[in-house]
Amino acid sequence: MERLYQHFESWRDKKISCFELSDLIHTFHQGASREIWKMYTYSDPDTAVSRAVALGLLKKEEIPENLLDILDLNIGFFTDPD
């Protein structure tokens, strides 16, 4: 999203045209955005939250402690290389 935001800034600064920005939005939507959506839409909630914590998208402090205890093994699955 940060990269896409930078393209909006380039458009605002008249460094790229609205057509170029539209193409960049389309590319993002068909690529990274779609993959993220599929990953979190089709996973069960425990897996999605565990993966998000392991990747740093969610902080452990944002997860209720009782739920964190349940997800701890799954989080380890996504962080441990073995």
Protein backbone atom coordinates (compact mmCIF):
# COMPACT_ATOMS: atom_id res chain seq x y z
CA MET A 1 0.00 0.00 0.00
CA GLU A 2 2.87 2.36 0.75
CA ARG A 3 4.21 1.99 -2.78
CA LEU A 4 0.75 2.64 -4.22
CA TYR A 5 0.44 5.71 -2.00
CA GLN A 6 3.73 7.01 -3.43
CA HIS A 7 2.26 6.68 -6.92
CA PHE A 8 -0.67 8.84 -5.81
CA GLU A 9 1.86 11.38 -4.58
CA SER A 10 3.59 11.28 -7.97
CA TRP A 11 0.25 11.88 -9.66
CA ARG A 12 -0.54 14.75 -7.31
CA ASP A 13 2.89 16.27 -8.09
CA LYS A 14 2.13 15.87 -11.81
CA LYS A 15 5.02 13.43 -12.27
CA ILE A 16 2.72 10.79 -13.75
CA SER A 17 -0.60 11.03 -15.58
CA CYS A 18 -3.96 9.87 -14.30
CA PHE A 19 -3.77 7.06 -16.87
CA GLU A 20 -0.44 5.84 -15.49
CA LEU A 21 -1.88 5.97 -11.97
CA SER A 22 -4.90 4.01 -13.11
CA ASP A 23 -2.64 1.33 -14.59
CA LEU A 24 -0.63 1.15 -11.36
CA ILE A 25 -3.82 0.77 -9.32
CA HIS A 26 -4.98 -1.99 -11.66
CA THR A 27 -1.63 -3.79 -11.38
CA PHE A 28 -1.77 -3.59 -7.58
CA HIS A 29 -5.36 -4.83 -7.54
CA GLN A 30 -4.62 -7.79 -9.79
CA GLY A 31 -1.38 -8.72 -8.01
CA ALA A 32 -0.50 -8.09 -4.39
CA SER A 33 -3.93 -6.98 -3.28
CA ARG A 34 -5.62 -10.06 -4.73
CA GLU A 35 -3.07 -12.41 -3.14
CA ILE A 36 -3.50 -10.80 0.28
CA TRP A 37 -7.28 -10.96 -0.04
CA LYS A 38 -7.22 -14.66 -1.01
CA MET A 39 -4.79 -15.51 1.77
CA TYR A 40 -6.94 -14.00 4.50
CA THR A 41 -10.38 -14.69 3.04
CA TYR A 42 -9.92 -18.42 2.51
CA SER A 43 -7.97 -19.23 5.70
CA ASP A 44 -9.66 -20.11 8.92
CA PRO A 45 -9.54 -17.22 11.42
CA ASP A 46 -7.00 -18.90 13.73
CA THR A 47 -4.55 -19.37 10.86
CA ALA A 48 -5.10 -15.87 9.48
CA VAL A 49 -4.54 -14.18 12.85
CA SER A 50 -1.54 -16.40 13.69
CA ARG A 51 0.11 -15.63 10.38
CA ALA A 52 -0.59 -11.90 10.73
CA VAL A 53 1.03 -11.90 14.19
CA ALA A 54 4.03 -13.90 12.95
CA LEU A 55 4.55 -11.47 10.07
CA GLY A 56 4.19 -8.43 12.32
CA LEU A 57 0.95 -7.26 10.71
CA LEU A 58 -0.69 -7.56 14.12
CA LYS A 59 1.08 -7.02 17.42
CA LYS A 60 0.75 -9.63 20.15
CA GLU A 61 -0.40 -6.83 22.43
CA GLU A 62 -3.43 -6.36 20.16
CA ILE A 63 -4.58 -9.95 20.72
CA PRO A 64 -6.52 -10.83 23.90
CA GLU A 65 -4.31 -12.90 26.21
CA ASN A 66 -6.63 -15.90 26.32
CA LEU A 67 -6.70 -16.03 22.52
CA LEU A 68 -2.95 -15.54 22.30
CA ASP A 69 -2.46 -18.62 24.49
CA ILE A 70 -4.52 -20.65 22.02
CA LEU A 71 -2.75 -19.26 18.95
CA ASP A 72 0.80 -19.42 20.31
CA LEU A 73 1.60 -22.79 18.69
CA ASN A 74 0.25 -21.62 15.31
CA ILE A 75 2.22 -18.38 15.54
CA GLY A 76 5.34 -20.45 16.17
CA PHE A 77 4.58 -22.50 13.07
CA PHE A 78 4.80 -19.35 10.94
CA THR A 79 7.92 -17.99 12.65
CA ASP A 80 10.06 -21.10 13.26
CA PRO A 81 12.15 -22.12 10.24
CA ASP A 82 11.97 -25.85 11.18
